[in-house]
Amino acid sequence: MNLSLEDKRLLEELCEQHGVKPDKVVKLLDTVRDYEFKERRTGVYDALREILKSSGGAQ
């Protein structure tokens, strides 16, 4: 995901406020984007769940 410098700063600030790692949020956004234009989004929730379960979710 290509974020502008301003967007990266905002993401880092928000993640810090909520105790979430920015790279995890980027992975979630990338996954949603990957499924966005598929005819069927089967598996998107499982994919998101796996990202959330992975280690390093909170700071």
PDB file of N, CA and C in Angstrom:
ATOM      1  N   MET A   1       0.861  -1.166   0.000  1.00  0.00           N
ATOM      2  CA  MET A   1       0.000   0.000   0.000  1.00  0.00           C
ATOM      3  C   MET A   1       0.907   1.229   0.000  1.00  0.00           C
ATOM      4  N   ASN A   2       0.628   2.130  -0.897  1.00  0.00           N
ATOM      5  CA  ASN A   2       1.412   3.350  -1.012  1.00  0.00           C
ATOM      6  C   ASN A   2       0.702   4.488  -0.293  1.00  0.00           C
ATOM      7  N   LEU A   3       1.207   4.830   0.870  1.00  0.00           N
ATOM      8  CA  LEU A   3       0.648   5.933   1.641  1.00  0.00           C
ATOM      9  C   LEU A   3       1.555   7.148   1.518  1.00  0.00           C
ATOM     10  N   SER A   4       0.946   8.306   1.477  1.00  0.00           N
ATOM     11  CA  SER A   4       1.744   9.532   1.461  1.00  0.00           C
ATOM     12  C   SER A   4       2.404   9.688   2.829  1.00  0.00           C
ATOM     13  N   LEU A   5       3.379  10.546   2.896  1.00  0.00           N
ATOM     14  CA  LEU A   5       4.079  10.789   4.153  1.00  0.00           C
ATOM     15  C   LEU A   5       3.104  11.282   5.226  1.00  0.00           C
ATOM     16  N   GLU A   6       2.202  12.140   4.831  1.00  0.00           N
ATOM     17  CA  GLU A   6       1.197  12.660   5.772  1.00  0.00           C
ATOM     18  C   GLU A   6       0.277  11.546   6.265  1.00  0.00           C
ATOM     19  N   ASP A   7      -0.130  10.660   5.358  1.00  0.00           N
ATOM     20  CA  ASP A   7      -0.988   9.539   5.736  1.00  0.00           C
ATOM     21  C   ASP A   7      -0.263   8.591   6.684  1.00  0.00           C
ATOM     22  N   LYS A   8       1.017   8.341   6.425  1.00  0.00           N
ATOM     23  CA  LYS A   8       1.810   7.471   7.304  1.00  0.00           C
ATOM     24  C   LYS A   8       1.899   8.062   8.702  1.00  0.00           C
ATOM     25  N   ARG A   9       2.134   9.349   8.780  1.00  0.00           N
ATOM     26  CA  ARG A   9       2.219  10.006  10.093  1.00  0.00           C
ATOM     27  C   ARG A   9       0.895   9.908  10.838  1.00  0.00           C
ATOM     28  N   LEU A  10      -0.204  10.140  10.125  1.00  0.00           N
ATOM     29  CA  LEU A  10      -1.519  10.049  10.738  1.00  0.00           C
ATOM     30  C   LEU A  10      -1.798   8.622  11.203  1.00  0.00           C
ATOM     31  N   LEU A  11      -1.485   7.643  10.371  1.00  0.00           N
ATOM     32  CA  LEU A  11      -1.681   6.246  10.741  1.00  0.00           C
ATOM     33  C   LEU A  11      -0.874   5.903  11.995  1.00  0.00           C
ATOM     34  N   GLU A  12       0.382   6.307  12.029  1.00  0.00           N
ATOM     35  CA  GLU A  12       1.223   6.026  13.191  1.00  0.00           C
ATOM     36  C   GLU A  12       0.675   6.697  14.449  1.00  0.00           C
ATOM     37  N   GLU A  13       0.196   7.913  14.321  1.00  0.00           N
ATOM     38  CA  GLU A  13      -0.370   8.633  15.462  1.00  0.00           C
ATOM     39  C   GLU A  13      -1.621   7.923  15.984  1.00  0.00           C
ATOM     40  N   LEU A  14      -2.504   7.554  15.084  1.00  0.00           N
ATOM     41  CA  LEU A  14      -3.735   6.873  15.490  1.00  0.00           C
ATOM     42  C   LEU A  14      -3.445   5.501  16.094  1.00  0.00           C
ATOM     43  N   CYS A  15      -2.513   4.787  15.497  1.00  0.00           N
ATOM     44  CA  CYS A  15      -2.156   3.469  16.020  1.00  0.00           C
ATOM     45  C   CYS A  15      -1.544   3.579  17.412  1.00  0.00           C
ATOM     46  N   GLU A  16      -0.726   4.582  17.610  1.00  0.00           N
ATOM     47  CA  GLU A  16      -0.126   4.792  18.930  1.00  0.00           C
ATOM     48  C   GLU A  16      -1.199   5.083  19.972  1.00  0.00           C
ATOM     49  N   GLN A  17      -2.179   5.889  19.611  1.00  0.00           N
ATOM     50  CA  GLN A  17      -3.274   6.223  20.524  1.00  0.00           C
ATOM     51  C   GLN A  17      -4.079   4.993  20.916  1.00  0.00           C
ATOM     52  N   HIS A  18      -4.183   4.034  20.002  1.00  0.00           N
ATOM     53  CA  HIS A  18      -5.036   2.869  20.236  1.00  0.00           C
ATOM     54  C   HIS A  18      -4.256   1.589  20.516  1.00  0.00           C
ATOM     55  N   GLY A  19      -2.935   1.697  20.620  1.00  0.00           N
ATOM     56  CA  GLY A  19      -2.122   0.536  20.969  1.00  0.00           C
ATOM     57  C   GLY A  19      -2.078  -0.546  19.905  1.00  0.00           C
ATOM     58  N   VAL A  20      -2.058  -0.139  18.651  1.00  0.00           N
ATOM     59  CA  VAL A  20      -2.015  -1.078  17.534  1.00  0.00           C
ATOM     60  C   VAL A  20      -0.784  -0.758  16.688  1.00  0.00           C
ATOM     61  N   LYS A  21      -0.171  -1.799  16.154  1.00  0.00           N
ATOM     62  CA  LYS A  21       0.991  -1.578  15.294  1.00  0.00           C
ATOM     63  C   LYS A  21       0.537  -1.168  13.899  1.00  0.00           C
ATOM     64  N   PRO A  22       1.143  -0.130  13.340  1.00  0.00           N
ATOM     65  CA  PRO A  22       0.763   0.345  12.005  1.00  0.00           C
ATOM     66  C   PRO A  22       0.884  -0.718  10.925  1.00  0.00           C
ATOM     67  N   ASP A  23       1.899  -1.591  11.012  1.00  0.00           N
ATOM     68  CA  ASP A  23       2.058  -2.610   9.978  1.00  0.00           C
ATOM     69  C   ASP A  23       0.889  -3.588   9.964  1.00  0.00           C
ATOM     70  N   LYS A  24       0.290  -3.828  11.120  1.00  0.00           N
ATOM     71  CA  LYS A  24      -0.876  -4.712  11.174  1.00  0.00           C
ATOM     72  C   LYS A  24      -2.070  -4.060  10.470  1.00  0.00           C
ATOM     73  N   VAL A  25      -2.254  -2.773  10.668  1.00  0.00           N
ATOM     74  CA  VAL A  25      -3.356  -2.056  10.012  1.00  0.00           C
ATOM     75  C   VAL A  25      -3.144  -2.058   8.501  1.00  0.00           C
ATOM     76  N   VAL A  26      -1.920  -1.858   8.076  1.00  0.00           N
ATOM     77  CA  VAL A  26      -1.621  -1.872   6.636  1.00  0.00           C
ATOM     78  C   VAL A  26      -1.914  -3.257   6.049  1.00  0.00           C
ATOM     79  N   LYS A  27      -1.557  -4.325   6.778  1.00  0.00           N
ATOM     80  CA  LYS A  27      -1.860  -5.676   6.310  1.00  0.00           C
ATOM     81  C   LYS A  27      -3.367  -5.880   6.180  1.00  0.00           C
ATOM     82  N   LEU A  28      -4.130  -5.389   7.156  1.00  0.00           N
ATOM     83  CA  LEU A  28      -5.586  -5.510   7.094  1.00  0.00           C
ATOM     84  C   LEU A  28      -6.139  -4.768   5.885  1.00  0.00           C
ATOM     85  N   LEU A  29      -5.662  -3.555   5.668  1.00  0.00           N
ATOM     86  CA  LEU A  29      -6.131  -2.759   4.527  1.00  0.00           C
ATOM     87  C   LEU A  29      -5.756  -3.406   3.195  1.00  0.00           C
ATOM     88  N   ASP A  30      -4.545  -3.942   3.113  1.00  0.00           N
ATOM     89  CA  ASP A  30      -4.108  -4.619   1.889  1.00  0.00           C
ATOM     90  C   ASP A  30      -4.983  -5.837   1.600  1.00  0.00           C
ATOM     91  N   THR A  31      -5.308  -6.576   2.648  1.00  0.00           N
ATOM     92  CA  THR A  31      -6.137  -7.768   2.480  1.00  0.00           C
ATOM     93  C   THR A  31      -7.530  -7.401   1.989  1.00  0.00           C
ATOM     94  N   VAL A  32      -8.126  -6.384   2.582  1.00  0.00           N
ATOM     95  CA  VAL A  32      -9.449  -5.938   2.136  1.00  0.00           C
ATOM     96  C   VAL A  32      -9.381  -5.486   0.685  1.00  0.00           C
ATOM     97  N   ARG A  33      -8.334  -4.764   0.332  1.00  0.00           N
ATOM     98  CA  ARG A  33      -8.180  -4.303  -1.052  1.00  0.00           C
ATOM     99  C   ARG A  33      -8.033  -5.475  -2.011  1.00  0.00           C
ATOM    100  N   ASP A  34      -7.303  -6.511  -1.599  1.00  0.00           N
ATOM    101  CA  ASP A  34      -7.128  -7.691  -2.451  1.00  0.00           C
ATOM    102  C   ASP A  34      -8.468  -8.365  -2.765  1.00  0.00           C
ATOM    103  N   TYR A  35      -9.373  -8.350  -1.806  1.00  0.00           N
ATOM    104  CA  TYR A  35     -10.673  -8.999  -1.990  1.00  0.00           C
ATOM    105  C   TYR A  35     -11.721  -8.064  -2.595  1.00  0.00           C
ATOM    106  N   GLU A  36     -11.429  -6.785  -2.663  1.00  0.00           N
ATOM    107  CA  GLU A  36     -12.425  -5.776  -3.032  1.00  0.00           C
ATOM    108  C   GLU A  36     -13.108  -6.041  -4.375  1.00  0.00           C
ATOM    109  N   PHE A  37     -12.360  -6.392  -5.377  1.00  0.00           N
ATOM    110  CA  PHE A  37     -12.930  -6.512  -6.712  1.00  0.00           C
ATOM    111  C   PHE A  37     -13.171  -7.954  -7.146  1.00  0.00           C
ATOM    112  N   LYS A  38     -13.046  -8.878  -6.212  1.00  0.00           N
ATOM    113  CA  LYS A  38     -13.356 -10.264  -6.539  1.00  0.00           C
ATOM    114  C   LYS A  38     -14.863 -10.424  -6.624  1.00  0.00           C
ATOM    115  N   GLU A  39     -15.279 -11.311  -7.491  1.00  0.00           N
ATOM    116  CA  GLU A  39     -16.707 -11.566  -7.642  1.00  0.00           C
ATOM    117  C   GLU A  39     -17.292 -12.094  -6.335  1.00  0.00           C
ATOM    118  N   ARG A  40     -16.545 -12.978  -5.699  1.00  0.00           N
ATOM    119  CA  ARG A  40     -16.959 -13.504  -4.399  1.00  0.00           C
ATOM    120  C   ARG A  40     -15.858 -13.211  -3.398  1.00  0.00           C
ATOM    121  N   ARG A  41     -16.245 -12.735  -2.255  1.00  0.00           N
ATOM    122  CA  ARG A  41     -15.257 -12.376  -1.235  1.00  0.00           C
ATOM    123  C   ARG A  41     -15.095 -13.481  -0.201  1.00  0.00           C
ATOM    124  N   THR A  42     -15.355 -14.702  -0.613  1.00  0.00           N
ATOM    125  CA  THR A  42     -15.238 -15.836   0.283  1.00  0.00           C
ATOM    126  C   THR A  42     -13.827 -15.899   0.854  1.00  0.00           C
ATOM    127  N   GLY A  43     -13.749 -15.960   2.169  1.00  0.00           N
ATOM    128  CA  GLY A  43     -12.468 -16.082   2.838  1.00  0.00           C
ATOM    129  C   GLY A  43     -11.910 -14.786   3.382  1.00  0.00           C
ATOM    130  N   VAL A  44     -12.531 -13.655   3.063  1.00  0.00           N
ATOM    131  CA  VAL A  44     -11.978 -12.378   3.511  1.00  0.00           C
ATOM    132  C   VAL A  44     -11.973 -12.292   5.039  1.00  0.00           C
ATOM    133  N   TYR A  45     -13.045 -12.748   5.674  1.00  0.00           N
ATOM    134  CA  TYR A  45     -13.098 -12.660   7.138  1.00  0.00           C
ATOM    135  C   TYR A  45     -12.088 -13.599   7.789  1.00  0.00           C
ATOM    136  N   ASP A  46     -11.891 -14.767   7.199  1.00  0.00           N
ATOM    137  CA  ASP A  46     -10.876 -15.682   7.718  1.00  0.00           C
ATOM    138  C   ASP A  46      -9.479 -15.080   7.583  1.00  0.00           C
ATOM    139  N   ALA A  47      -9.230 -14.440   6.453  1.00  0.00           N
ATOM    140  CA  ALA A  47      -7.925 -13.811   6.235  1.00  0.00           C
ATOM    141  C   ALA A  47      -7.689 -12.678   7.230  1.00  0.00           C
ATOM    142  N   LEU A  48      -8.721 -11.866   7.460  1.00  0.00           N
ATOM    143  CA  LEU A  48      -8.593 -10.771   8.423  1.00  0.00           C
ATOM    144  C   LEU A  48      -8.399 -11.313   9.832  1.00  0.00           C
ATOM    145  N   ARG A  49      -9.132 -12.363  10.163  1.00  0.00           N
ATOM    146  CA  ARG A  49      -9.027 -12.974  11.490  1.00  0.00           C
ATOM    147  C   ARG A  49      -7.612 -13.482  11.733  1.00  0.00           C
ATOM    148  N   GLU A  50      -7.016 -14.099  10.728  1.00  0.00           N
ATOM    149  CA  GLU A  50      -5.646 -14.610  10.866  1.00  0.00           C
ATOM    150  C   GLU A  50      -4.649 -13.485  11.106  1.00  0.00           C
ATOM    151  N   ILE A  51      -4.829 -12.375  10.436  1.00  0.00           N
ATOM    152  CA  ILE A  51      -3.940 -11.228  10.652  1.00  0.00           C
ATOM    153  C   ILE A  51      -4.086 -10.724  12.081  1.00  0.00           C
ATOM    154  N   LEU A  52      -5.323 -10.628  12.548  1.00  0.00           N
ATOM    155  CA  LEU A  52      -5.554 -10.144  13.908  1.00  0.00           C
ATOM    156  C   LEU A  52      -5.014 -11.089  14.959  1.00  0.00           C
ATOM    157  N   LYS A  53      -5.055 -12.393  14.688  1.00  0.00           N
ATOM    158  CA  LYS A  53      -4.552 -13.400  15.633  1.00  0.00           C
ATOM    159  C   LYS A  53      -3.036 -13.452  15.678  1.00  0.00           C
ATOM    160  N   SER A  54      -2.388 -13.043  14.598  1.00  0.00           N
ATOM    161  CA  SER A  54      -0.938 -13.151  14.520  1.00  0.00           C
ATOM    162  C   SER A  54      -0.275 -12.340  15.611  1.00  0.00           C
ATOM    163  N   SER A  55       0.890 -12.769  16.006  1.00  0.00           N
ATOM    164  CA  SER A  55       1.593 -12.103  17.101  1.00  0.00           C
ATOM    165  C   SER A  55       1.932 -10.675  16.748  1.00  0.00           C
ATOM    166  N   GLY A  56       2.020  -9.848  17.764  1.00  0.00           N
ATOM    167  CA  GLY A  56       2.376  -8.458  17.555  1.00  0.00           C
ATOM    168  C   GLY A  56       1.200  -7.570  17.279  1.00  0.00           C
ATOM    169  N   GLY A  57      -0.008  -7.982  17.643  1.00  0.00           N
ATOM    170  CA  GLY A  57      -1.200  -7.195  17.385  1.00  0.00           C
ATOM    171  C   GLY A  57      -1.262  -5.906  18.172  1.00  0.00           C
ATOM    172  N   ALA A  58      -0.866  -5.962  19.409  1.00  0.00           N
ATOM    173  CA  ALA A  58      -0.879  -4.760  20.259  1.00  0.00           C
ATOM    174  C   ALA A  58       0.561  -4.425  20.620  1.00  0.00           C
ATOM    175  N   GLN A  59       0.744  -3.195  20.999  1.00  0.00           N
ATOM    176  CA  GLN A  59       2.101  -2.767  21.356  1.00  0.00           C
ATOM    177  C   GLN A  59       2.425  -3.186  22.764  1.00  0.00           C
TER     178      GLN A  59
END
